[in-house]
Amino acid sequence: MGSCGASSAGVWWSTYSSQQCRWVVEHIFGLQGGEKGHGPGQLGPGGQLSLSLLMLPSPLQKHWPSGTQCVTKHDHTKPKAQELAFRKGDVVTIIEAVEGKGWYRARHNETGQEGLLAASALRERGAIRVDPKLSLMPWFHGKISGVEAVQQLQPPEDGLFLVRESVRHPGDYVLCVSFGKEVIHYRVVHEENTLSIDSQQYFSNLIDMIEHYMKEQGAICTKLVKPKPKTGMKSAEEELAKAGWLLNLQHLTLGERIGQGEFGDVLRGEYMGQKVAVKNIKCDVTAQAFLTETAAMTKVRHKNLVCLLGVILHNGLYIVMEYMSKGNLVNFLRTRGRALVPTHQLLQFALDVAQGMDYLESKKLVHRDLAARNILISEENVAKVSDFGLARVNPKGKDATLLPVKWTAPEALKHNKFSSKSDVWSYGILLWETFSFGRAPYPKLSLKEVTELLEQGYRMDPPEGCPPAVYALMKSCWELEPGKRPSFKKLMEKLQKELNPAPTQLRSSPPAPHGDAGCSQL
């Protein structure tokens, strides 16, 4: 009996003839033999199995669907025909699997080139670990003296730098740069929400300033080359790049402003040919707070959650999200009304939101600001929960004053106790908004009146035309005792029963698949 010409492949090969081995390889591994210089999907000369082919992924390897973001595990700078060139740590988007061959066709996120690469060269883009030591400004050392700064910048190295708070001028900063075996200290004046070293070039934040002087020498002794991180701090830029979430500014085109909030603007944009929405957070402190929440967002993926596509560190922080063409649920309902949005579509929106929230609940994540304004509608009329990772950000530490009182559960208002059950209370308000076609809850009542009336047992009446079963759901969400409120899974089940008699054609096109899918990936 013959072997397949690869004795190290395992004893089991020796029990088959060469012809039988060829059948196994061609039908199970999907390989073809006889060509020279065998590449993906080929046998060696004479039909022998190359040891390199034995290193290809098993047919049982996890299948990555189209749109999956993957990070390359090593360099491949000399590709053969049809193969994709890449460096270790590059991010690629899966286009399709090459059936039965353990290879994928993918697009390089930086170059835009497409080609083949082995599954063994890839790992799926992972989540960023939420770590308080993760910093957008690892070079910021806080309150240290000039003498301590000099000690930190040893041994001398041209372009080595750090930033500290000014001791002599509270509120200002000092840029400390190593150059010519000396450390030069530049006062950074903070005035009218801008920063400047020379009163000629102004910056909105420290991140923007450091980025500028790493590109241009300008008014300082040398271009900034190497940051000196504060002991124990991790560079967010390095961690984002390593995990595959750092996007390239050169590929981003920004358009008109489509939203504005306390934290910054939301802009329409395009990244690598895909429409996106971009949150621009300019304040250093706020950007750092958003970074922690953004890290949490990298852990979740569901068809009813707005997708985080990546982050760009420029002019503060750019958070790049999938673009939802039909805007938020409030405006969607107000501009269309009962004539254009039938009851079964309202039920479908409610179910979409419950599904997204059930997923967050399963991940032990609390939204804290669930409301119709934070539900976005896709081109296919799919409702998706947004800002689920950002709701806890509060740059000024004003917990009570920033709470959306009319949407917030009593225990959260009184004792700052947020949980999935407080999200369920907010979901009941969202249901009321949905079936009232975007009306503000508790009409004509002040915030103080709302809190007082709720403690006395007051609950809103049903919106006009609201199905009795839906109003019963609302009231179950508004139980004063959190433990008596239903779970999102139970809410899903009841909404599904309401939808069953409804027409099956709820959307203008098929919905995204169920599960951790449906995200529009770069």
Protein backbone atom coordinates (compact mmCIF):
# COMPACT_ATOMS: atom_id res chain seq x y z
CA MET A 1 0.00 0.00 0.00
CA GLY A 2 1.31 3.45 -0.78
CA SER A 3 1.45 6.65 1.21
CA CYS A 4 0.60 10.12 0.00
CA GLY A 5 4.25 11.15 -0.11
CA ALA A 6 4.02 12.92 3.25
CA SER A 7 5.02 10.44 5.94
CA SER A 8 4.83 13.04 8.69
CA ALA A 9 1.21 13.67 7.88
CA GLY A 10 0.15 10.83 10.17
CA VAL A 11 -0.02 7.04 10.26
CA TRP A 12 -3.54 6.93 8.92
CA TRP A 13 -2.37 8.00 5.46
CA SER A 14 -0.35 4.79 5.05
CA THR A 15 -3.46 2.60 5.06
CA TYR A 16 -4.66 4.06 1.75
CA SER A 17 -3.40 3.82 -1.81
CA SER A 18 -2.23 6.96 -3.64
CA GLN A 19 -5.42 6.91 -5.68
CA GLN A 20 -7.57 6.72 -2.53
CA CYS A 21 -5.56 9.53 -0.94
CA ARG A 22 -6.14 11.68 -4.00
CA TRP A 23 -9.90 11.11 -3.74
CA VAL A 24 -9.88 12.10 -0.03
CA VAL A 25 -7.86 15.25 -0.70
CA GLU A 26 -9.91 16.34 -3.71
CA HIS A 27 -13.31 15.68 -2.16
CA ILE A 28 -12.72 16.62 1.47
CA PHE A 29 -10.01 19.28 1.24
CA GLY A 30 -11.19 20.54 -2.16
CA LEU A 31 -7.67 20.35 -3.67
CA GLN A 32 -6.65 19.64 -7.25
CA GLY A 33 -3.35 18.00 -8.20
CA GLY A 34 -0.73 17.97 -10.86
CA GLU A 35 0.34 21.63 -11.19
CA LYS A 36 3.76 22.97 -10.36
CA GLY A 37 4.26 25.54 -7.65
CA HIS A 38 1.12 24.41 -5.87
CA GLY A 39 -0.78 27.22 -4.17
CA PRO A 40 -4.22 27.33 -2.65
CA GLY A 41 -6.26 24.31 -3.66
CA GLN A 42 -3.48 22.30 -5.35
CA LEU A 43 -1.53 19.09 -4.82
CA GLY A 44 2.17 18.75 -5.43
CA PRO A 45 3.79 17.10 -8.47
CA GLY A 46 2.53 13.58 -9.04
CA GLY A 47 -0.45 14.14 -6.80
CA GLN A 48 1.62 14.22 -3.60
CA LEU A 49 0.27 16.12 -0.63
CA SER A 50 2.51 19.02 0.36
CA LEU A 51 3.23 19.45 4.07
CA SER A 52 2.43 23.14 3.64
CA LEU A 53 -1.08 22.17 2.60
CA LEU A 54 -1.47 20.16 5.79
CA MET A 55 -1.05 23.47 7.62
CA LEU A 56 -4.16 24.87 5.95
CA PRO A 57 -7.20 25.24 8.22
CA SER A 58 -9.37 22.23 8.85
CA PRO A 59 -12.70 22.13 6.99
CA LEU A 60 -14.22 22.42 10.49
CA GLN A 61 -12.71 25.89 11.01
CA LYS A 62 -15.18 28.66 11.86
CA HIS A 63 -16.65 30.19 8.72
CA TRP A 64 -16.42 33.98 8.51
CA PRO A 65 -19.35 35.50 6.60
CA SER A 66 -18.98 38.31 4.10
CA GLY A 67 -18.30 41.62 5.83
CA THR A 68 -16.36 40.15 8.77
CA GLN A 69 -13.38 42.26 9.84
CA CYS A 70 -10.18 40.26 10.34
CA VAL A 71 -6.62 41.13 11.38
CA THR A 72 -3.61 39.55 9.64
CA LYS A 73 -1.26 37.51 11.84
CA HIS A 74 2.00 37.90 9.87
CA ASP A 75 3.63 39.64 6.89
CA HIS A 76 2.94 38.53 3.33
CA THR A 77 4.78 41.03 1.15
CA LYS A 78 5.52 38.89 -1.92
CA PRO A 79 2.14 37.54 -2.99
CA LYS A 80 1.64 35.22 -5.92
CA ALA A 81 -0.88 35.93 -8.64
CA GLN A 82 -4.37 36.64 -7.23
CA GLU A 83 -3.05 36.73 -3.64
CA LEU A 84 -3.34 39.76 -1.36
CA ALA A 85 -0.25 41.51 0.03
CA PHE A 86 -0.38 42.52 3.68
CA ARG A 87 1.63 43.31 6.80
CA LYS A 88 1.13 41.89 10.27
CA GLY A 89 -1.71 43.74 11.98
CA ASP A 90 -3.44 44.95 8.80
CA VAL A 91 -7.24 44.83 8.76
CA VAL A 92 -9.10 43.17 5.89
CA THR A 93 -12.77 42.68 5.11
CA ILE A 94 -13.92 39.22 4.07
CA ILE A 95 -15.66 39.24 0.68
CA GLU A 96 -16.29 35.51 0.30
CA ALA A 97 -14.90 32.11 1.21
CA VAL A 98 -13.17 30.13 -1.52
CA GLU A 99 -15.30 27.03 -1.18
CA GLY A 100 -13.61 24.01 0.33
CA LYS A 101 -10.10 25.45 0.16
CA GLY A 102 -9.52 27.19 3.49
CA TRP A 103 -8.91 30.48 1.70
CA TYR A 104 -10.83 33.75 1.50
CA ARG A 105 -11.18 36.56 -0.94
CA ALA A 106 -10.82 39.80 1.01
CA ARG A 107 -10.39 43.57 0.60
CA HIS A 108 -7.53 45.37 2.34
CA ASN A 109 -9.04 48.18 4.42
CA GLU A 110 -6.10 50.52 3.82
CA THR A 111 -5.18 49.96 0.17
CA GLY A 112 -8.58 48.88 -1.11
CA GLN A 113 -6.94 46.01 -3.01
CA GLU A 114 -8.67 42.65 -3.24
CA GLY A 115 -7.13 39.19 -3.35
CA LEU A 116 -6.83 35.73 -1.82
CA LEU A 117 -5.35 34.86 1.55
CA ALA A 118 -5.32 31.76 3.75
CA ALA A 119 -7.64 31.55 6.73
CA SER A 120 -4.62 30.50 8.79
CA ALA A 121 -3.20 34.02 8.26
CA LEU A 122 -6.23 35.67 9.87
CA ARG A 123 -7.88 36.21 13.21
CA GLU A 124 -11.24 37.88 13.66
CA ARG A 125 -11.07 41.47 14.89
CA GLY A 126 -11.39 41.23 18.65
CA ALA A 127 -12.84 43.40 21.38
CA ILE A 128 -10.77 45.99 23.21
CA ARG A 129 -10.38 45.25 26.89
CA VAL A 130 -11.99 47.94 29.00
CA ASP A 131 -9.02 49.18 31.01
CA PRO A 132 -8.79 52.41 33.05
CA LYS A 133 -5.09 52.54 32.11
CA LEU A 134 -5.97 52.83 28.42
CA SER A 135 -5.26 56.44 27.48
CA LEU A 136 -5.59 58.68 24.46
CA MET A 137 -2.83 60.75 26.04
CA PRO A 138 -0.27 58.33 27.55
CA TRP A 139 2.29 61.17 27.29
CA PHE A 140 0.29 63.32 29.75
CA HIS A 141 1.90 63.12 33.21
CA GLY A 142 -0.42 65.46 35.11
CA LYS A 143 0.97 67.41 38.05
CA ILE A 144 4.74 66.87 38.02
CA SER A 145 7.48 69.47 38.38
CA GLY A 146 9.97 70.55 35.74
CA VAL A 147 12.72 68.64 37.56
CA GLU A 148 10.62 65.45 37.53
CA ALA A 149 9.93 65.95 33.82
CA VAL A 150 13.68 66.12 33.11
CA GLN A 151 14.19 62.90 35.06
CA GLN A 152 11.44 61.20 33.05
CA LEU A 153 13.07 62.21 29.74
CA GLN A 154 16.32 60.34 30.42
CA PRO A 155 18.45 59.17 28.72
CA PRO A 156 18.41 62.13 26.29
CA GLU A 157 16.87 61.41 22.90
CA ASP A 158 15.97 64.07 20.33
CA GLY A 159 12.19 64.31 19.99
CA LEU A 160 11.36 62.42 23.19
CA PHE A 161 8.54 64.35 24.90
CA LEU A 162 5.85 64.53 27.56
CA VAL A 163 3.16 67.02 28.64
CA ARG A 164 2.56 68.12 32.22
CA GLU A 165 0.34 70.59 34.05
CA SER A 166 1.95 73.97 34.69
CA VAL A 167 2.94 74.53 38.31
CA ARG A 168 3.46 78.30 37.95
CA HIS A 169 0.40 78.95 35.79
CA PRO A 170 -2.56 76.81 36.94
CA GLY A 171 -4.81 75.87 34.02
CA ASP A 172 -1.95 75.96 31.51
CA TYR A 173 0.25 73.08 30.38
CA VAL A 174 3.95 72.55 29.61
CA LEU A 175 5.33 70.62 26.64
CA CYS A 176 8.72 69.15 27.63
CA VAL A 177 10.98 68.11 24.73
CA SER A 178 14.38 66.41 24.80
CA PHE A 179 16.79 67.94 22.26
CA GLY A 180 20.59 68.21 22.11
CA LYS A 181 20.97 66.48 25.51
CA GLU A 182 18.76 69.12 27.13
CA VAL A 183 15.08 69.30 28.02
CA ILE A 184 13.26 72.37 26.76
CA HIS A 185 10.00 73.44 28.42
CA TYR A 186 7.30 75.19 26.35
CA ARG A 187 4.39 76.83 28.13
CA VAL A 188 1.07 75.94 26.52
CA VAL A 189 -1.38 78.76 27.23
CA HIS A 190 -5.01 77.74 27.72
CA GLU A 191 -7.26 80.65 26.79
CA GLU A 192 -10.84 80.84 25.49
CA ASN A 193 -11.03 77.06 24.96
CA THR A 194 -7.90 77.03 22.79
CA LEU A 195 -4.26 76.05 23.36
CA SER A 196 -1.19 77.78 21.94
CA ILE A 197 2.58 77.83 22.41
CA ASP A 198 3.40 80.84 20.23
CA SER A 199 0.09 82.80 19.97
CA GLN A 200 0.18 82.01 16.24
CA GLN A 201 -0.97 78.40 16.00
CA TYR A 202 -4.07 77.48 18.02
CA PHE A 203 -5.43 74.04 18.90
CA SER A 204 -8.72 72.84 20.34
CA ASN A 205 -7.10 70.20 22.56
CA LEU A 206 -3.80 68.60 23.56
CA ILE A 207 -4.27 65.61 21.24
CA ASP A 208 -4.61 67.95 18.26
CA MET A 209 -1.52 69.91 19.35
CA ILE A 210 0.69 66.83 19.75
CA GLU A 211 -0.50 65.45 16.42
CA HIS A 212 0.50 68.75 14.75
CA TYR A 213 4.00 68.92 16.25
CA MET A 214 4.67 65.29 15.36
CA LYS A 215 4.20 66.33 11.73
CA GLU A 216 5.74 69.81 11.78
CA GLN A 217 8.47 71.43 13.87
CA GLY A 218 6.77 74.82 13.86
CA ALA A 219 7.64 76.97 16.88
CA ILE A 220 9.47 74.26 18.85
CA CYS A 221 13.07 73.00 18.70
CA THR A 222 12.37 69.75 16.83
CA LYS A 223 9.50 67.61 15.63
CA LEU A 224 8.05 65.40 18.33
CA VAL A 225 9.18 61.84 17.70
CA LYS A 226 8.62 59.57 20.68
CA PRO A 227 6.18 60.00 23.57
CA LYS A 228 7.30 59.18 27.09
CA PRO A 229 4.29 57.40 28.59
CA LYS A 230 3.29 57.89 32.18
CA THR A 231 4.14 54.83 34.26
CA GLY A 232 1.37 52.25 34.04
CA MET A 233 -0.52 53.91 31.18
CA LYS A 234 -1.23 52.15 27.89
CA SER A 235 -1.40 53.87 24.54
CA ALA A 236 -4.96 53.75 23.21
CA GLU A 237 -3.61 54.23 19.69
CA GLU A 238 -1.44 51.12 19.97
CA GLU A 239 -4.21 49.03 21.53
CA LEU A 240 -6.77 50.14 18.93
CA ALA A 241 -4.36 49.35 16.11
CA LYS A 242 -3.46 45.96 17.57
CA ALA A 243 -7.12 44.99 17.90
CA GLY A 244 -7.95 46.27 14.41
CA TRP A 245 -10.24 49.16 15.38
CA LEU A 246 -8.01 52.08 14.40
CA LEU A 247 -9.12 53.57 11.08
CA ASN A 248 -7.08 55.73 8.69
CA LEU A 249 -7.99 59.42 8.54
CA GLN A 250 -6.91 59.58 4.89
CA HIS A 251 -9.81 57.31 3.91
CA LEU A 252 -12.45 59.41 5.71
CA THR A 253 -14.41 62.12 3.91
CA LEU A 254 -16.61 64.29 6.13
CA GLY A 255 -19.86 65.87 4.98
CA GLU A 256 -22.65 67.89 6.54
CA ARG A 257 -23.55 67.96 10.20
CA ILE A 258 -26.56 65.74 10.89
CA GLY A 259 -26.67 66.06 14.66
CA GLN A 260 -25.32 68.03 17.58
CA GLY A 261 -25.08 67.28 21.28
CA GLU A 262 -23.32 68.32 24.44
CA PHE A 263 -20.36 66.09 23.62
CA GLY A 264 -19.80 67.20 20.02
CA ASP A 265 -21.12 67.02 16.49
CA VAL A 266 -22.37 64.08 14.43
CA LEU A 267 -21.36 64.32 10.78
CA ARG A 268 -22.33 62.45 7.67
CA GLY A 269 -19.28 60.89 6.03
CA GLU A 270 -17.83 58.23 3.79
CA TYR A 271 -15.11 55.71 4.63
CA MET A 272 -13.64 53.48 1.92
CA GLY A 273 -16.76 54.00 -0.21
CA GLN A 274 -19.22 53.23 2.62
CA LYS A 275 -21.60 55.82 4.05
CA VAL A 276 -20.92 56.40 7.74
CA ALA A 277 -21.94 58.62 10.64
CA VAL A 278 -19.07 60.20 12.60
CA LYS A 279 -19.19 61.49 16.17
CA ASN A 280 -16.45 64.10 16.71
CA ILE A 281 -15.49 64.48 20.39
CA LYS A 282 -13.06 67.42 20.72
CA CYS A 283 -12.66 67.85 24.48
CA ASP A 284 -9.70 65.86 25.86
CA VAL A 285 -11.47 64.80 29.05
CA THR A 286 -14.68 63.85 27.26
CA ALA A 287 -12.77 62.00 24.54
CA GLN A 288 -11.00 59.95 27.21
CA ALA A 289 -14.34 59.11 28.84
CA PHE A 290 -15.81 58.14 25.46
CA LEU A 291 -12.81 55.89 24.80
CA THR A 292 -13.73 53.67 27.75
CA GLU A 293 -17.31 53.40 26.55
CA THR A 294 -16.20 52.80 22.95
CA ALA A 295 -14.05 49.90 24.16
CA ALA A 296 -17.22 48.34 25.59
CA MET A 297 -18.93 48.78 22.21
CA THR A 298 -16.29 46.62 20.49
CA LYS A 299 -17.62 43.63 22.43
CA VAL A 300 -21.14 43.68 20.98
CA ARG A 301 -22.56 42.91 17.58
CA HIS A 302 -26.23 42.44 16.82
CA LYS A 303 -28.59 43.22 13.96
CA ASN A 304 -30.58 45.61 16.17
CA LEU A 305 -27.61 47.58 17.52
CA VAL A 306 -25.96 50.36 15.52
CA CYS A 307 -22.50 49.12 14.56
CA LEU A 308 -19.25 50.70 15.65
CA LEU A 309 -16.98 50.55 12.60
CA GLY A 310 -13.84 52.00 14.14
CA VAL A 311 -12.07 54.95 15.71
CA ILE A 312 -9.82 57.71 14.36
CA LEU A 313 -7.56 59.71 16.68
CA HIS A 314 -7.65 63.17 15.15
CA ASN A 315 -8.82 66.52 16.50
CA GLY A 316 -9.86 64.67 19.63
CA LEU A 317 -11.72 61.48 18.78
CA TYR A 318 -13.74 60.38 15.74
CA ILE A 319 -16.13 57.51 16.45
CA VAL A 320 -17.16 56.02 13.10
CA MET A 321 -20.57 54.28 13.06
CA GLU A 322 -22.77 52.73 10.41
CA TYR A 323 -25.01 55.30 8.72
CA MET A 324 -28.77 55.02 9.30
CA SER A 325 -30.42 56.80 6.41
CA LYS A 326 -33.91 57.35 7.88
CA GLY A 327 -32.80 59.07 11.07
CA ASN A 328 -34.16 58.59 14.58
CA LEU A 329 -37.50 57.03 15.43
CA VAL A 330 -39.05 60.25 16.78
CA ASN A 331 -38.56 62.18 13.54
CA PHE A 332 -39.42 59.13 11.44
CA LEU A 333 -42.84 58.86 13.09
CA ARG A 334 -43.58 62.59 13.30
CA THR A 335 -42.90 63.16 9.59
CA ARG A 336 -44.98 60.20 8.40
CA GLY A 337 -47.89 59.71 10.80
CA ARG A 338 -50.62 57.09 10.91
CA ALA A 339 -51.36 57.20 7.20
CA LEU A 340 -47.88 55.95 6.27
CA VAL A 341 -46.88 53.84 9.29
CA PRO A 342 -49.37 51.04 10.07
CA THR A 343 -49.69 49.38 13.47
CA HIS A 344 -47.80 46.24 12.44
CA GLN A 345 -44.79 48.41 11.51
CA LEU A 346 -44.91 50.04 14.95
CA LEU A 347 -44.98 46.56 16.49
CA GLN A 348 -41.99 45.55 14.39
CA PHE A 349 -40.02 48.59 15.54
CA ALA A 350 -40.90 47.72 19.15
CA LEU A 351 -39.76 44.12 18.60
CA ASP A 352 -36.51 45.25 16.95
CA VAL A 353 -35.68 47.40 19.97
CA ALA A 354 -36.58 44.64 22.43
CA GLN A 355 -34.29 42.23 20.56
CA GLY A 356 -31.38 44.65 20.70
CA MET A 357 -31.97 45.31 24.39
CA ASP A 358 -32.31 41.60 25.16
CA TYR A 359 -28.86 41.13 23.63
CA LEU A 360 -27.41 43.94 25.78
CA GLU A 361 -29.10 42.43 28.83
CA SER A 362 -27.47 39.06 28.05
CA LYS A 363 -24.09 40.83 27.99
CA LYS A 364 -24.87 42.54 31.32
CA LEU A 365 -24.74 45.97 29.69
CA VAL A 366 -27.07 48.76 30.80
CA HIS A 367 -28.09 51.49 28.35
CA ARG A 368 -29.22 54.23 30.79
CA ASP A 369 -30.71 56.46 28.07
CA LEU A 370 -33.15 54.29 26.14
CA ALA A 371 -35.57 56.58 24.27
CA ALA A 372 -37.03 56.92 20.78
CA ARG A 373 -34.48 59.64 19.96
CA ASN A 374 -31.75 56.99 20.41
CA ILE A 375 -33.38 54.50 18.06
CA LEU A 376 -32.22 54.83 14.46
CA ILE A 377 -33.98 53.52 11.36
CA SER A 378 -32.15 51.93 8.43
CA GLU A 379 -33.02 52.17 4.75
CA GLU A 380 -34.82 48.80 5.12
CA ASN A 381 -36.89 50.07 8.10
CA VAL A 382 -34.90 48.09 10.66
CA ALA A 383 -34.84 49.79 14.07
CA LYS A 384 -31.47 49.76 15.84
CA VAL A 385 -30.47 50.90 19.32
CA SER A 386 -27.75 53.56 19.30
CA ASP A 387 -25.52 55.19 21.91
CA PHE A 388 -25.73 52.07 24.08
CA GLY A 389 -22.03 52.31 24.92
CA LEU A 390 -21.98 56.05 25.41
CA ALA A 391 -24.90 56.77 27.70
CA ARG A 392 -22.79 56.73 30.88
CA VAL A 393 -20.37 59.41 29.67
CA ASN A 394 -20.68 62.56 31.75
CA PRO A 395 -17.78 65.00 31.39
CA LYS A 396 -18.90 67.35 34.15
CA GLY A 397 -19.89 64.82 36.78
CA LYS A 398 -23.45 66.17 36.98
CA ASP A 399 -25.38 62.90 37.35
CA ALA A 400 -28.80 64.24 38.30
CA THR A 401 -28.96 67.27 36.04
CA LEU A 402 -28.18 65.30 32.89
CA LEU A 403 -30.66 62.49 33.50
CA PRO A 404 -33.60 62.37 31.07
CA VAL A 405 -36.14 62.49 33.88
CA LYS A 406 -39.24 61.54 31.88
CA TRP A 407 -37.55 58.34 30.64
CA THR A 408 -35.68 57.35 33.81
CA ALA A 409 -36.90 54.80 36.36
CA PRO A 410 -37.73 56.10 39.87
CA GLU A 411 -34.95 54.07 41.56
CA ALA A 412 -32.41 55.53 39.13
CA LEU A 413 -33.64 59.07 39.75
CA LYS A 414 -33.65 58.74 43.54
CA HIS A 415 -30.75 56.39 44.23
CA ASN A 416 -28.76 56.33 40.96
CA LYS A 417 -29.49 52.59 40.65
CA PHE A 418 -29.28 51.65 36.98
CA SER A 419 -29.93 48.11 35.77
CA SER A 420 -31.60 46.20 32.96
CA LYS A 421 -34.84 46.71 34.90
CA SER A 422 -34.42 50.50 34.78
CA ASP A 423 -33.89 50.08 31.03
CA VAL A 424 -37.21 48.18 30.93
CA TRP A 425 -38.94 51.18 32.53
CA SER A 426 -37.45 53.40 29.81
CA TYR A 427 -38.58 50.89 27.19
CA GLY A 428 -42.17 51.37 28.39
CA ILE A 429 -41.81 55.11 27.75
CA LEU A 430 -40.34 54.33 24.33
CA LEU A 431 -43.39 52.18 23.55
CA TRP A 432 -45.62 55.12 24.48
CA GLU A 433 -43.58 57.43 22.19
CA THR A 434 -43.82 54.91 19.36
CA PHE A 435 -47.59 54.41 19.50
CA SER A 436 -48.21 58.15 19.95
CA PHE A 437 -46.19 58.76 16.75
CA GLY A 438 -43.37 60.66 18.38
CA ARG A 439 -45.17 62.77 21.00
CA ALA A 440 -43.15 63.81 24.05
CA PRO A 441 -44.13 61.76 27.14
CA TYR A 442 -46.02 63.28 30.06
CA PRO A 443 -47.33 66.19 27.97
CA LYS A 444 -47.90 69.46 29.85
CA LEU A 445 -46.23 68.13 33.02
CA SER A 446 -43.03 69.64 34.45
CA LEU A 447 -40.14 67.41 35.49
CA LYS A 448 -40.92 68.03 39.16
CA GLU A 449 -44.59 67.16 38.64
CA VAL A 450 -43.64 63.92 36.87
CA THR A 451 -41.43 62.68 39.73
CA GLU A 452 -44.06 63.54 42.35
CA LEU A 453 -46.95 61.97 40.43
CA LEU A 454 -45.04 58.75 39.71
CA GLU A 455 -44.51 58.18 43.44
CA GLN A 456 -48.26 58.64 43.92
CA GLY A 457 -48.95 55.88 41.36
CA TYR A 458 -49.74 58.02 38.31
CA ARG A 459 -49.17 56.39 34.90
CA MET A 460 -49.81 57.83 31.44
CA ASP A 461 -53.00 56.95 29.58
CA PRO A 462 -52.65 54.90 26.38
CA PRO A 463 -51.97 56.82 23.16
CA GLU A 464 -54.88 57.12 20.74
CA GLY A 465 -55.37 53.90 18.78
CA CYS A 466 -52.89 51.93 20.88
CA PRO A 467 -53.73 48.17 21.03
CA PRO A 468 -54.81 47.16 24.57
CA ALA A 469 -52.15 44.42 24.69
CA VAL A 470 -49.41 46.97 23.98
CA TYR A 471 -50.68 49.32 26.69
CA ALA A 472 -50.66 46.38 29.10
CA LEU A 473 -46.99 45.90 28.21
CA MET A 474 -46.27 49.56 28.92
CA LYS A 475 -47.86 49.34 32.36
CA SER A 476 -45.90 46.16 33.18
CA CYS A 477 -42.70 48.09 32.39
CA TRP A 478 -43.79 50.84 34.80
CA GLU A 479 -44.06 48.67 37.92
CA LEU A 480 -42.59 50.67 40.79
CA GLU A 481 -40.73 47.61 42.10
CA PRO A 482 -37.96 46.72 39.57
CA GLY A 483 -38.24 42.98 40.22
CA LYS A 484 -41.87 42.97 39.02
CA ARG A 485 -40.97 44.35 35.60
CA PRO A 486 -40.64 41.85 32.72
CA SER A 487 -37.33 40.94 31.13
CA PHE A 488 -36.66 42.00 27.56
CA LYS A 489 -36.94 38.36 26.53
CA LYS A 490 -40.48 38.23 27.93
CA LEU A 491 -41.31 41.50 26.16
CA MET A 492 -40.04 40.00 22.90
CA GLU A 493 -42.28 36.96 23.31
CA LYS A 494 -45.39 39.05 23.89
CA LEU A 495 -44.67 41.38 20.98
CA GLN A 496 -44.09 38.39 18.72
CA LYS A 497 -47.56 37.11 19.62
CA GLU A 498 -49.04 40.48 18.70
CA LEU A 499 -47.22 40.39 15.37
CA ASN A 500 -48.25 36.88 14.37
CA PRO A 501 -51.65 37.86 12.95
CA ALA A 502 -50.05 40.79 11.12
CA PRO A 503 -48.99 40.63 7.46
CA THR A 504 -45.61 38.98 6.94
CA GLN A 505 -44.34 41.72 4.60
CA LEU A 506 -43.28 44.30 7.17
CA ARG A 507 -40.35 45.86 5.37
CA SER A 508 -39.41 47.11 1.95
CA SER A 509 -36.64 44.50 1.78
CA PRO A 510 -35.66 41.37 3.76
CA PRO A 511 -34.46 41.96 7.32
CA ALA A 512 -30.93 41.24 8.45
CA PRO A 513 -30.29 37.67 9.66
CA HIS A 514 -30.90 36.86 13.33
CA GLY A 515 -28.17 36.60 15.93
CA ASP A 516 -24.89 38.49 16.13
CA ALA A 517 -25.14 39.62 12.54
CA GLY A 518 -26.60 42.37 10.43
CA CYS A 519 -23.83 44.90 11.04
CA SER A 520 -22.72 46.83 8.01
CA GLN A 521 -18.95 46.27 8.11
CA LEU A 522 -16.22 48.23 6.37
